[in-house]
Amino acid sequence: MPLILLGAFPGNPGDASPRLRETLAAAEVVAPADLAGRLAAGDTVAMWTAGVPDPVRIAVDLGAAVTAVPGPSAAITALALSGLPSDRFCVESGAADLGRLAAEPRTLIFTEVLDLPALAQAFGADRPAALVAADRTAQRGTLGALIAPVASGGAVLVVGGAPPVSAGRPADGELAAEVAALVAGGADRKRATLEVARRHSLAKREVYAAVIAHK
């Protein structure tokens, strides 16, 4: 019961790739209203990539395989396969400023796979993410759980955006200023970061990311 994402909708049927035509011919159904029911029945379902995060999550929850016929953009194909929100996203390079991006609310697409431990430290190990390989297989989980490929060529990393700031939480600049004040008073940075996190009932990584973003 696979779900196959179709990477591009051809304006002219003659522009469709042989792989796309073969997939459409083999699928029992294209873009069904009852996706869960069709997958549970064992049907092969094909869908266009536009607006697919919920269908991908439905398929993953059912234990169905999810793959894709590639389109013109590897980044967009990876976003579709990730199952993460696709309403707002941005594409980043390997030279990304992790401190700045830790607070980015949009879904992040990294066209170069960065150091996963460094990302987990900057964004939090529990940040949802997906690592999509060149063969369009995807690891889905959290940054702390993803395993870097032996060869990352062609792999794309998709990371969920930062969660919304809760009411009453100080702005990142205020958190960084509090840490700086404690350091100026003689505390080491690690202890100062922990103290500010405790003051506001925040995870230490949130305060750390604020400090990095406001260096």
N, C-alpha and C. Protein backbone atom coordinates (compact mmCIF):
# COMPACT_ATOMS: atom_id res chain seq x y z
N MET A 1 0.84 -1.20 0.00
CA MET A 1 0.00 0.00 0.00
C MET A 1 0.87 1.25 0.00
N PRO A 2 1.58 1.51 -1.08
CA PRO A 2 2.45 2.69 -1.10
C PRO A 2 1.71 3.97 -1.48
N LEU A 3 2.22 5.08 -0.97
CA LEU A 3 1.81 6.40 -1.41
C LEU A 3 2.95 6.95 -2.25
N ILE A 4 2.65 7.33 -3.48
CA ILE A 4 3.68 7.83 -4.40
C ILE A 4 3.37 9.30 -4.69
N LEU A 5 4.29 10.17 -4.34
CA LEU A 5 4.13 11.59 -4.61
C LEU A 5 4.65 11.91 -6.00
N LEU A 6 3.88 12.69 -6.73
CA LEU A 6 4.24 13.04 -8.10
C LEU A 6 4.83 14.44 -8.09
N GLY A 7 6.07 14.56 -8.53
CA GLY A 7 6.82 15.78 -8.33
C GLY A 7 6.42 16.98 -9.14
N ALA A 8 5.74 16.80 -10.26
CA ALA A 8 5.39 17.96 -11.08
C ALA A 8 4.14 17.64 -11.87
N PHE A 9 3.26 18.64 -12.00
CA PHE A 9 2.04 18.49 -12.79
C PHE A 9 2.30 19.10 -14.16
N PRO A 10 2.40 18.28 -15.20
CA PRO A 10 2.73 18.84 -16.52
C PRO A 10 1.57 19.60 -17.13
N GLY A 11 1.84 20.81 -17.60
CA GLY A 11 0.78 21.56 -18.26
C GLY A 11 0.36 20.90 -19.56
N ASN A 12 1.30 20.22 -20.18
CA ASN A 12 1.03 19.47 -21.41
C ASN A 12 1.35 18.01 -21.13
N PRO A 13 0.40 17.08 -21.36
CA PRO A 13 0.68 15.66 -21.08
C PRO A 13 1.95 15.15 -21.75
N GLY A 14 2.30 15.76 -22.88
CA GLY A 14 3.51 15.33 -23.57
C GLY A 14 4.78 15.66 -22.83
N ASP A 15 4.69 16.57 -21.82
CA ASP A 15 5.86 16.94 -21.04
C ASP A 15 6.13 15.97 -19.90
N ALA A 16 5.21 15.07 -19.63
CA ALA A 16 5.37 14.13 -18.52
C ALA A 16 6.52 13.17 -18.81
N SER A 17 7.31 12.87 -17.78
CA SER A 17 8.42 11.95 -17.93
C SER A 17 7.89 10.52 -18.08
N PRO A 18 8.68 9.62 -18.68
CA PRO A 18 8.25 8.21 -18.77
C PRO A 18 7.93 7.63 -17.39
N ARG A 19 8.73 7.98 -16.37
CA ARG A 19 8.48 7.47 -15.01
C ARG A 19 7.13 7.96 -14.49
N LEU A 20 6.81 9.21 -14.76
CA LEU A 20 5.53 9.76 -14.30
C LEU A 20 4.37 9.06 -14.98
N ARG A 21 4.49 8.84 -16.28
CA ARG A 21 3.41 8.17 -17.01
C ARG A 21 3.23 6.73 -16.52
N GLU A 22 4.34 6.05 -16.25
CA GLU A 22 4.27 4.67 -15.76
C GLU A 22 3.60 4.62 -14.38
N THR A 23 3.95 5.58 -13.54
CA THR A 23 3.37 5.61 -12.19
C THR A 23 1.88 5.85 -12.24
N LEU A 24 1.45 6.79 -13.05
CA LEU A 24 0.02 7.07 -13.18
C LEU A 24 -0.74 5.87 -13.71
N ALA A 25 -0.12 5.16 -14.64
CA ALA A 25 -0.79 3.99 -15.22
C ALA A 25 -0.90 2.85 -14.22
N ALA A 26 0.07 2.74 -13.32
CA ALA A 26 0.09 1.61 -12.37
C ALA A 26 -0.74 1.87 -11.12
N ALA A 27 -0.98 3.13 -10.79
CA ALA A 27 -1.69 3.45 -9.55
C ALA A 27 -3.16 3.07 -9.65
N GLU A 28 -3.68 2.51 -8.55
CA GLU A 28 -5.11 2.21 -8.52
C GLU A 28 -5.96 3.47 -8.45
N VAL A 29 -5.41 4.51 -7.82
CA VAL A 29 -6.18 5.73 -7.64
C VAL A 29 -5.21 6.91 -7.55
N VAL A 30 -5.67 8.07 -8.05
CA VAL A 30 -4.87 9.30 -7.99
C VAL A 30 -5.64 10.33 -7.17
N ALA A 31 -4.97 10.92 -6.15
CA ALA A 31 -5.55 11.97 -5.30
C ALA A 31 -6.92 11.58 -4.76
N PRO A 32 -7.02 10.53 -3.91
CA PRO A 32 -8.31 10.10 -3.40
C PRO A 32 -8.83 11.00 -2.29
N ALA A 33 -10.15 10.99 -2.10
CA ALA A 33 -10.72 11.71 -0.95
C ALA A 33 -10.51 10.90 0.32
N ASP A 34 -10.61 9.59 0.23
CA ASP A 34 -10.45 8.72 1.39
C ASP A 34 -9.08 8.07 1.33
N LEU A 35 -8.03 8.86 1.61
CA LEU A 35 -6.67 8.35 1.49
C LEU A 35 -6.42 7.20 2.45
N ALA A 36 -6.79 7.37 3.72
CA ALA A 36 -6.52 6.32 4.71
C ALA A 36 -7.21 5.02 4.31
N GLY A 37 -8.45 5.11 3.86
CA GLY A 37 -9.18 3.91 3.48
C GLY A 37 -8.56 3.20 2.29
N ARG A 38 -8.12 3.97 1.32
CA ARG A 38 -7.52 3.35 0.12
C ARG A 38 -6.18 2.71 0.44
N LEU A 39 -5.37 3.38 1.28
CA LEU A 39 -4.09 2.79 1.67
C LEU A 39 -4.30 1.55 2.52
N ALA A 40 -5.27 1.62 3.45
CA ALA A 40 -5.55 0.46 4.30
C ALA A 40 -6.04 -0.72 3.47
N ALA A 41 -6.69 -0.43 2.34
CA ALA A 41 -7.17 -1.49 1.46
C ALA A 41 -6.06 -2.08 0.61
N GLY A 42 -4.87 -1.49 0.69
CA GLY A 42 -3.73 -2.01 -0.06
C GLY A 42 -3.54 -1.40 -1.42
N ASP A 43 -4.29 -0.33 -1.72
CA ASP A 43 -4.16 0.32 -3.03
C ASP A 43 -2.86 1.09 -3.15
N THR A 44 -2.34 1.17 -4.36
CA THR A 44 -1.24 2.07 -4.67
C THR A 44 -1.84 3.42 -5.01
N VAL A 45 -1.48 4.44 -4.24
CA VAL A 45 -2.09 5.76 -4.38
C VAL A 45 -1.03 6.75 -4.86
N ALA A 46 -1.36 7.51 -5.90
CA ALA A 46 -0.48 8.56 -6.41
C ALA A 46 -1.11 9.92 -6.12
N MET A 47 -0.28 10.87 -5.70
CA MET A 47 -0.77 12.22 -5.41
C MET A 47 0.26 13.24 -5.87
N TRP A 48 -0.22 14.41 -6.30
CA TRP A 48 0.69 15.51 -6.63
C TRP A 48 1.25 16.09 -5.35
N THR A 49 2.45 16.66 -5.42
CA THR A 49 3.15 17.09 -4.20
C THR A 49 2.54 18.32 -3.55
N ALA A 50 1.74 19.09 -4.24
CA ALA A 50 1.22 20.32 -3.67
C ALA A 50 0.35 20.02 -2.44
N GLY A 51 0.72 20.62 -1.30
CA GLY A 51 -0.08 20.50 -0.08
C GLY A 51 -0.21 19.10 0.46
N VAL A 52 0.89 18.35 0.51
CA VAL A 52 0.79 16.94 0.91
C VAL A 52 1.21 16.56 2.33
N PRO A 53 1.60 17.49 3.22
CA PRO A 53 2.07 17.02 4.52
C PRO A 53 1.10 16.11 5.25
N ASP A 54 -0.19 16.46 5.30
CA ASP A 54 -1.14 15.60 6.00
C ASP A 54 -1.25 14.22 5.37
N PRO A 55 -1.37 14.09 4.05
CA PRO A 55 -1.38 12.74 3.47
C PRO A 55 -0.13 11.93 3.79
N VAL A 56 1.03 12.57 3.81
CA VAL A 56 2.26 11.84 4.14
C VAL A 56 2.19 11.33 5.57
N ARG A 57 1.74 12.19 6.50
CA ARG A 57 1.63 11.75 7.89
C ARG A 57 0.62 10.63 8.04
N ILE A 58 -0.48 10.70 7.29
CA ILE A 58 -1.49 9.63 7.33
C ILE A 58 -0.86 8.32 6.88
N ALA A 59 -0.12 8.37 5.77
CA ALA A 59 0.51 7.16 5.24
C ALA A 59 1.53 6.60 6.22
N VAL A 60 2.35 7.47 6.81
CA VAL A 60 3.37 7.01 7.76
C VAL A 60 2.71 6.37 8.98
N ASP A 61 1.63 6.98 9.47
CA ASP A 61 0.94 6.43 10.63
C ASP A 61 0.35 5.06 10.35
N LEU A 62 -0.04 4.82 9.09
CA LEU A 62 -0.59 3.53 8.70
C LEU A 62 0.49 2.50 8.39
N GLY A 63 1.74 2.94 8.40
CA GLY A 63 2.83 2.03 8.07
C GLY A 63 3.02 1.85 6.58
N ALA A 64 2.45 2.74 5.79
CA ALA A 64 2.57 2.63 4.33
C ALA A 64 3.90 3.22 3.87
N ALA A 65 4.46 2.65 2.84
CA ALA A 65 5.67 3.20 2.23
C ALA A 65 5.33 4.50 1.52
N VAL A 66 6.23 5.47 1.58
CA VAL A 66 6.04 6.74 0.89
C VAL A 66 7.26 6.99 0.04
N THR A 67 7.04 7.22 -1.25
CA THR A 67 8.14 7.54 -2.15
C THR A 67 7.68 8.63 -3.10
N ALA A 68 8.53 8.99 -4.05
CA ALA A 68 8.18 10.10 -4.93
C ALA A 68 8.78 9.90 -6.32
N VAL A 69 8.04 10.39 -7.30
CA VAL A 69 8.59 10.57 -8.64
C VAL A 69 9.18 11.97 -8.65
N PRO A 70 10.47 12.14 -8.87
CA PRO A 70 11.09 13.45 -8.71
C PRO A 70 10.56 14.49 -9.68
N GLY A 71 10.52 15.73 -9.18
CA GLY A 71 10.13 16.85 -10.01
C GLY A 71 11.33 17.71 -10.33
N PRO A 72 11.10 18.96 -10.72
CA PRO A 72 12.22 19.82 -11.11
C PRO A 72 13.07 20.30 -9.95
N SER A 73 12.60 20.14 -8.71
CA SER A 73 13.34 20.64 -7.56
C SER A 73 13.50 19.56 -6.51
N ALA A 74 14.75 19.19 -6.20
CA ALA A 74 15.00 18.19 -5.15
C ALA A 74 14.54 18.71 -3.80
N ALA A 75 14.65 20.01 -3.57
CA ALA A 75 14.25 20.59 -2.28
C ALA A 75 12.75 20.43 -2.07
N ILE A 76 11.95 20.71 -3.09
CA ILE A 76 10.50 20.61 -2.95
C ILE A 76 10.06 19.16 -2.82
N THR A 77 10.72 18.27 -3.55
CA THR A 77 10.41 16.85 -3.41
C THR A 77 10.70 16.38 -1.99
N ALA A 78 11.84 16.81 -1.43
CA ALA A 78 12.20 16.44 -0.06
C ALA A 78 11.20 17.01 0.93
N LEU A 79 10.76 18.24 0.72
CA LEU A 79 9.77 18.85 1.61
C LEU A 79 8.49 18.03 1.61
N ALA A 80 8.06 17.62 0.42
CA ALA A 80 6.84 16.81 0.33
C ALA A 80 7.00 15.48 1.05
N LEU A 81 8.14 14.83 0.88
CA LEU A 81 8.38 13.54 1.51
C LEU A 81 8.55 13.64 3.03
N SER A 82 8.95 14.80 3.51
CA SER A 82 9.23 14.96 4.94
C SER A 82 7.97 14.84 5.79
N GLY A 83 6.84 15.24 5.24
CA GLY A 83 5.62 15.28 6.03
C GLY A 83 5.52 16.49 6.94
N LEU A 84 6.47 17.41 6.85
CA LEU A 84 6.46 18.62 7.67
C LEU A 84 5.66 19.72 6.98
N PRO A 85 5.21 20.73 7.73
CA PRO A 85 4.38 21.79 7.13
C PRO A 85 5.03 22.42 5.91
N SER A 86 4.24 22.60 4.85
CA SER A 86 4.78 23.16 3.61
C SER A 86 4.13 24.48 3.23
N ASP A 87 3.30 25.04 4.14
CA ASP A 87 2.64 26.30 3.80
C ASP A 87 3.63 27.46 3.77
N ARG A 88 4.65 27.41 4.63
CA ARG A 88 5.70 28.43 4.64
C ARG A 88 7.02 27.73 4.87
N PHE A 89 8.00 27.98 3.98
CA PHE A 89 9.29 27.32 4.12
C PHE A 89 10.38 28.19 3.50
N CYS A 90 11.62 27.88 3.83
CA CYS A 90 12.74 28.58 3.21
C CYS A 90 13.86 27.57 2.96
N VAL A 91 14.67 27.86 1.96
CA VAL A 91 15.77 26.98 1.55
C VAL A 91 17.07 27.63 2.00
N GLU A 92 17.91 26.85 2.70
CA GLU A 92 19.16 27.37 3.23
C GLU A 92 20.34 26.57 2.69
N SER A 93 21.50 27.19 2.68
CA SER A 93 22.71 26.53 2.19
C SER A 93 23.55 26.02 3.35
N GLY A 94 24.68 25.42 3.03
CA GLY A 94 25.58 24.91 4.06
C GLY A 94 26.23 25.98 4.90
N ALA A 95 26.15 27.24 4.46
CA ALA A 95 26.76 28.33 5.22
C ALA A 95 25.74 28.99 6.15
N ALA A 96 24.71 28.26 6.52
CA ALA A 96 23.63 28.83 7.31
C ALA A 96 24.10 29.25 8.70
N ASP A 97 23.48 30.32 9.20
CA ASP A 97 23.74 30.81 10.56
C ASP A 97 22.76 30.08 11.48
N LEU A 98 23.23 29.06 12.17
CA LEU A 98 22.34 28.22 12.97
C LEU A 98 21.71 28.99 14.12
N GLY A 99 22.46 29.91 14.72
CA GLY A 99 21.89 30.69 15.81
C GLY A 99 20.70 31.50 15.35
N ARG A 100 20.81 32.10 14.17
CA ARG A 100 19.69 32.90 13.64
C ARG A 100 18.52 32.01 13.27
N LEU A 101 18.81 30.85 12.67
CA LEU A 101 17.75 30.00 12.18
C LEU A 101 17.03 29.21 13.27
N ALA A 102 17.61 29.14 14.46
CA ALA A 102 16.99 28.37 15.54
C ALA A 102 15.60 28.90 15.88
N ALA A 103 15.38 30.21 15.68
CA ALA A 103 14.09 30.81 16.00
C ALA A 103 13.21 31.00 14.76
N GLU A 104 13.63 30.50 13.60
CA GLU A 104 12.88 30.66 12.35
C GLU A 104 11.60 29.81 12.42
N PRO A 105 10.41 30.42 12.27
CA PRO A 105 9.17 29.65 12.37
C PRO A 105 8.82 28.84 11.13
N ARG A 106 9.44 29.16 9.99
CA ARG A 106 9.14 28.41 8.76
C ARG A 106 9.89 27.09 8.73
N THR A 107 9.36 26.13 7.98
CA THR A 107 10.08 24.88 7.76
C THR A 107 11.36 25.18 7.00
N LEU A 108 12.46 24.58 7.43
CA LEU A 108 13.77 24.84 6.85
C LEU A 108 14.20 23.68 5.96
N ILE A 109 14.68 23.98 4.77
CA ILE A 109 15.20 22.96 3.85
C ILE A 109 16.67 23.25 3.63
N PHE A 110 17.52 22.31 4.05
CA PHE A 110 18.96 22.46 3.86
C PHE A 110 19.38 21.60 2.68
N THR A 111 19.85 22.24 1.63
CA THR A 111 20.25 21.51 0.43
C THR A 111 21.60 20.83 0.60
N GLU A 112 22.31 21.17 1.67
CA GLU A 112 23.53 20.45 2.06
C GLU A 112 23.31 19.96 3.48
N VAL A 113 23.56 18.68 3.72
CA VAL A 113 23.36 18.13 5.05
C VAL A 113 24.46 18.64 5.97
N LEU A 114 24.06 19.37 7.00
CA LEU A 114 25.01 19.94 7.94
C LEU A 114 25.34 18.93 9.05
N ASP A 115 26.17 19.37 9.97
CA ASP A 115 26.55 18.55 11.13
C ASP A 115 25.30 18.34 12.00
N LEU A 116 24.76 17.11 12.01
CA LEU A 116 23.52 16.85 12.74
C LEU A 116 23.65 17.12 14.24
N PRO A 117 24.74 16.72 14.90
CA PRO A 117 24.87 17.05 16.33
C PRO A 117 24.86 18.56 16.59
N ALA A 118 25.49 19.33 15.70
CA ALA A 118 25.49 20.79 15.87
C ALA A 118 24.09 21.35 15.70
N LEU A 119 23.35 20.82 14.73
CA LEU A 119 21.98 21.26 14.53
C LEU A 119 21.12 20.91 15.74
N ALA A 120 21.29 19.70 16.26
CA ALA A 120 20.51 19.29 17.42
C ALA A 120 20.80 20.16 18.62
N GLN A 121 22.07 20.59 18.76
CA GLN A 121 22.42 21.46 19.88
C GLN A 121 21.81 22.85 19.71
N ALA A 122 21.84 23.37 18.49
CA ALA A 122 21.34 24.72 18.25
C ALA A 122 19.82 24.79 18.24
N PHE A 123 19.16 23.76 17.67
CA PHE A 123 17.72 23.79 17.50
C PHE A 123 16.97 23.01 18.58
N GLY A 124 17.68 22.11 19.25
CA GLY A 124 17.04 21.21 20.19
C GLY A 124 16.93 19.82 19.58
N ALA A 125 17.31 18.82 20.34
CA ALA A 125 17.32 17.45 19.82
C ALA A 125 15.93 16.94 19.48
N ASP A 126 14.88 17.57 20.06
CA ASP A 126 13.53 17.10 19.82
C ASP A 126 12.83 17.83 18.67
N ARG A 127 13.56 18.67 17.93
CA ARG A 127 12.96 19.38 16.79
C ARG A 127 12.63 18.36 15.69
N PRO A 128 11.39 18.33 15.17
CA PRO A 128 11.06 17.37 14.12
C PRO A 128 11.85 17.63 12.85
N ALA A 129 12.25 16.56 12.18
CA ALA A 129 13.09 16.69 11.00
C ALA A 129 12.96 15.45 10.13
N ALA A 130 13.44 15.56 8.90
CA ALA A 130 13.48 14.42 7.99
C ALA A 130 14.72 14.54 7.13
N LEU A 131 15.38 13.42 6.91
CA LEU A 131 16.55 13.37 6.06
C LEU A 131 16.19 12.54 4.83
N VAL A 132 16.16 13.19 3.67
CA VAL A 132 15.72 12.54 2.43
C VAL A 132 16.93 12.27 1.56
N ALA A 133 17.17 10.99 1.27
CA ALA A 133 18.33 10.58 0.50
C ALA A 133 18.09 10.78 -1.00
N ALA A 134 19.14 10.60 -1.77
CA ALA A 134 19.05 10.79 -3.22
C ALA A 134 18.07 9.82 -3.86
N ASP A 135 17.89 8.63 -3.25
CA ASP A 135 16.94 7.67 -3.81
C ASP A 135 15.51 7.91 -3.33
N ARG A 136 15.31 9.05 -2.63
CA ARG A 136 14.01 9.51 -2.14
C ARG A 136 13.43 8.61 -1.05
N THR A 137 14.31 7.95 -0.30
CA THR A 137 13.90 7.34 0.95
C THR A 137 14.11 8.37 2.05
N ALA A 138 13.27 8.32 3.06
CA ALA A 138 13.31 9.36 4.08
C ALA A 138 13.37 8.77 5.48
N GLN A 139 14.28 9.33 6.30
CA GLN A 139 14.25 9.11 7.74
C GLN A 139 13.42 10.24 8.33
N ARG A 140 12.42 9.91 9.12
CA ARG A 140 11.60 10.94 9.77
C ARG A 140 11.68 10.74 11.27
N GLY A 141 11.79 11.84 11.99
CA GLY A 141 11.88 11.74 13.44
C GLY A 141 12.27 13.07 14.04
N THR A 142 13.31 13.07 14.85
CA THR A 142 13.81 14.31 15.46
C THR A 142 15.28 14.47 15.08
N LEU A 143 15.78 15.69 15.24
CA LEU A 143 17.18 15.93 14.92
C LEU A 143 18.11 15.04 15.75
N GLY A 144 17.73 14.79 16.98
CA GLY A 144 18.56 13.96 17.82
C GLY A 144 18.59 12.51 17.43
N ALA A 145 17.57 12.06 16.67
CA ALA A 145 17.47 10.65 16.31
C ALA A 145 17.94 10.34 14.89
N LEU A 146 18.09 11.37 14.05
CA LEU A 146 18.49 11.12 12.67
C LEU A 146 19.93 10.60 12.60
N ILE A 147 20.17 9.74 11.64
CA ILE A 147 21.50 9.18 11.42
C ILE A 147 22.04 9.72 10.11
N ALA A 148 23.19 10.39 10.16
CA ALA A 148 23.78 10.96 8.95
C ALA A 148 24.17 9.85 7.99
N PRO A 149 23.90 10.04 6.68
CA PRO A 149 24.30 9.03 5.71
C PRO A 149 25.82 8.95 5.59
N VAL A 150 26.31 7.78 5.19
CA VAL A 150 27.76 7.62 4.99
C VAL A 150 28.24 8.59 3.93
N ALA A 151 27.49 8.70 2.85
CA ALA A 151 27.78 9.68 1.80
C ALA A 151 26.54 10.55 1.65
N SER A 152 26.67 11.85 1.93
CA SER A 152 25.51 12.73 1.95
C SER A 152 25.20 13.35 0.59
N GLY A 153 25.92 12.98 -0.45
CA GLY A 153 25.67 13.57 -1.75
C GLY A 153 24.25 13.37 -2.21
N GLY A 154 23.57 14.47 -2.51
CA GLY A 154 22.20 14.40 -2.98
C GLY A 154 21.17 14.37 -1.87
N ALA A 155 21.59 14.22 -0.61
CA ALA A 155 20.64 14.19 0.50
C ALA A 155 20.17 15.62 0.83
N VAL A 156 18.92 15.72 1.27
CA VAL A 156 18.34 17.01 1.66
C VAL A 156 17.78 16.86 3.08
N LEU A 157 18.07 17.83 3.93
CA LEU A 157 17.59 17.82 5.30
C LEU A 157 16.46 18.83 5.44
N VAL A 158 15.33 18.37 5.99
CA VAL A 158 14.17 19.24 6.22
C VAL A 158 13.93 19.29 7.72
N VAL A 159 13.82 20.50 8.27
CA VAL A 159 13.68 20.68 9.72
C VAL A 159 12.44 21.53 10.00
N GLY A 160 11.64 21.08 10.95
CA GLY A 160 10.46 21.84 11.32
C GLY A 160 10.82 23.21 11.88
N GLY A 161 9.94 24.18 11.69
CA GLY A 161 10.19 25.53 12.19
C GLY A 161 10.12 25.58 13.70
N ALA A 162 10.63 26.66 14.26
CA ALA A 162 10.61 26.85 15.71
C ALA A 162 9.17 26.95 16.19
N PRO A 163 8.86 26.35 17.34
CA PRO A 163 7.51 26.46 17.88
C PRO A 163 7.21 27.90 18.27
N PRO A 164 5.94 28.29 18.29
CA PRO A 164 5.60 29.67 18.65
C PRO A 164 6.03 29.99 20.06
N VAL A 165 6.40 31.24 20.26
CA VAL A 165 6.82 31.69 21.59
C VAL A 165 5.59 31.80 22.48
N SER A 166 5.63 31.20 23.64
CA SER A 166 4.48 31.24 24.54
C SER A 166 4.33 32.63 25.15
N ALA A 167 3.11 32.96 25.55
CA ALA A 167 2.83 34.26 26.14
C ALA A 167 3.66 34.44 27.41
N GLY A 168 4.24 35.60 27.55
CA GLY A 168 5.01 35.88 28.75
C GLY A 168 6.48 35.50 28.64
N ARG A 169 6.85 34.80 27.61
CA ARG A 169 8.26 34.42 27.44
C ARG A 169 9.05 35.64 27.00
N PRO A 170 10.18 35.92 27.65
CA PRO A 170 10.99 37.06 27.20
C PRO A 170 11.48 36.87 25.77
N ALA A 171 11.68 37.96 25.06
CA ALA A 171 12.25 37.89 23.72
C ALA A 171 13.68 37.38 23.80
N ASP A 172 14.16 36.84 22.68
CA ASP A 172 15.51 36.29 22.65
C ASP A 172 16.56 37.32 23.07
N GLY A 173 16.38 38.57 22.63
CA GLY A 173 17.33 39.60 23.00
C GLY A 173 17.38 39.83 24.51
N GLU A 174 16.22 39.73 25.16
CA GLU A 174 16.16 39.91 26.61
C GLU A 174 16.85 38.74 27.33
N LEU A 175 16.63 37.52 26.82
CA LEU A 175 17.29 36.35 27.41
C LEU A 175 18.81 36.48 27.29
N ALA A 176 19.27 36.87 26.09
CA ALA A 176 20.70 37.03 25.87
C ALA A 176 21.28 38.10 26.79
N ALA A 177 20.52 39.17 27.01
CA ALA A 177 20.99 40.25 27.88
C ALA A 177 21.10 39.78 29.33
N GLU A 178 20.16 38.95 29.76
CA GLU A 178 20.21 38.42 31.13
C GLU A 178 21.45 37.54 31.31
N VAL A 179 21.73 36.70 30.31
CA VAL A 179 22.92 35.85 30.39
C VAL A 179 24.16 36.72 30.43
N ALA A 180 24.21 37.75 29.58
CA ALA A 180 25.38 38.64 29.53
C ALA A 180 25.59 39.33 30.87
N ALA A 181 24.49 39.72 31.52
CA ALA A 181 24.60 40.40 32.82
C ALA A 181 25.18 39.46 33.87
N LEU A 182 24.76 38.21 33.87
CA LEU A 182 25.30 37.24 34.83
C LEU A 182 26.78 36.96 34.56
N VAL A 183 27.14 36.86 33.29
CA VAL A 183 28.55 36.64 32.94
C VAL A 183 29.39 37.83 33.37
N ALA A 184 28.86 39.04 33.17
CA ALA A 184 29.60 40.25 33.60
C ALA A 184 29.78 40.27 35.11
N GLY A 185 28.86 39.61 35.82
CA GLY A 185 28.95 39.57 37.27
C GLY A 185 29.86 38.46 37.79
N GLY A 186 30.45 37.69 36.87
CA GLY A 186 31.41 36.68 37.29
C GLY A 186 31.01 35.25 37.04
N ALA A 187 29.75 34.98 36.62
CA ALA A 187 29.32 33.61 36.36
C ALA A 187 29.88 33.14 35.02
N ASP A 188 30.18 31.85 34.90
CA ASP A 188 30.59 31.35 33.59
C ASP A 188 29.34 31.22 32.72
N ARG A 189 29.55 31.19 31.40
CA ARG A 189 28.42 31.25 30.46
C ARG A 189 27.48 30.06 30.63
N LYS A 190 28.02 28.89 30.88
CA LYS A 190 27.17 27.70 31.02
C LYS A 190 26.23 27.85 32.21
N ARG A 191 26.79 28.27 33.37
CA ARG A 191 25.97 28.43 34.56
C ARG A 191 24.96 29.56 34.38
N ALA A 192 25.38 30.64 33.71
CA ALA A 192 24.48 31.76 33.47
C ALA A 192 23.31 31.34 32.58
N THR A 193 23.61 30.55 31.55
CA THR A 193 22.55 30.08 30.65
C THR A 193 21.54 29.21 31.42
N LEU A 194 22.05 28.33 32.27
CA LEU A 194 21.18 27.47 33.06
C LEU A 194 20.32 28.28 34.02
N GLU A 195 20.91 29.30 34.64
CA GLU A 195 20.17 30.13 35.59
C GLU A 195 19.04 30.87 34.90
N VAL A 196 19.29 31.45 33.74
CA VAL A 196 18.25 32.19 33.01
C VAL A 196 17.15 31.22 32.56
N ALA A 197 17.52 30.03 32.14
CA ALA A 197 16.52 29.03 31.75
C ALA A 197 15.61 28.69 32.93
N ARG A 198 16.20 28.55 34.11
CA ARG A 198 15.40 28.25 35.31
C ARG A 198 14.47 29.39 35.68
N ARG A 199 14.96 30.61 35.53
CA ARG A 199 14.14 31.79 35.88
C ARG A 199 12.82 31.79 35.11
N HIS A 200 12.90 31.40 33.85
CA HIS A 200 11.73 31.53 32.97
C HIS A 200 11.10 30.17 32.61
N SER A 201 11.51 29.10 33.30
CA SER A 201 10.98 27.75 33.04
C SER A 201 11.14 27.38 31.56
N LEU A 202 12.32 27.63 31.03
CA LEU A 202 12.62 27.33 29.64
C LEU A 202 13.66 26.22 29.56
N ALA A 203 13.71 25.57 28.41
CA ALA A 203 14.77 24.61 28.16
C ALA A 203 16.09 25.36 27.99
N LYS A 204 17.16 24.77 28.48
CA LYS A 204 18.46 25.43 28.38
C LYS A 204 18.81 25.74 26.94
N ARG A 205 18.41 24.83 26.01
CA ARG A 205 18.75 25.04 24.60
C ARG A 205 18.11 26.31 24.04
N GLU A 206 16.92 26.69 24.55
CA GLU A 206 16.26 27.91 24.07
C GLU A 206 17.09 29.13 24.42
N VAL A 207 17.58 29.14 25.66
CA VAL A 207 18.39 30.28 26.09
C VAL A 207 19.72 30.28 25.33
N TYR A 208 20.30 29.10 25.15
CA TYR A 208 21.56 29.00 24.40
C TYR A 208 21.38 29.54 22.98
N ALA A 209 20.27 29.15 22.33
CA ALA A 209 20.02 29.62 20.97
C ALA A 209 19.86 31.13 20.94
N ALA A 210 19.21 31.69 21.97
CA ALA A 210 19.04 33.16 22.04
C ALA A 210 20.38 33.85 22.17
N VAL A 211 21.26 33.28 23.00
CA VAL A 211 22.58 33.88 23.18
C VAL A 211 23.37 33.85 21.88
N ILE A 212 23.34 32.70 21.19
CA ILE A 212 24.07 32.57 19.92
C ILE A 212 23.54 33.55 18.88
N ALA A 213 22.20 33.70 18.87
CA ALA A 213 21.58 34.58 17.86
C ALA A 213 21.89 36.05 18.09
N HIS A 214 22.25 36.40 19.33
CA HIS A 214 22.48 37.82 19.65
C HIS A 214 23.92 38.12 20.05
N LYS A 215 24.84 37.29 19.55
CA LYS A 215 26.26 37.58 19.80
C LYS A 215 26.68 38.83 19.04
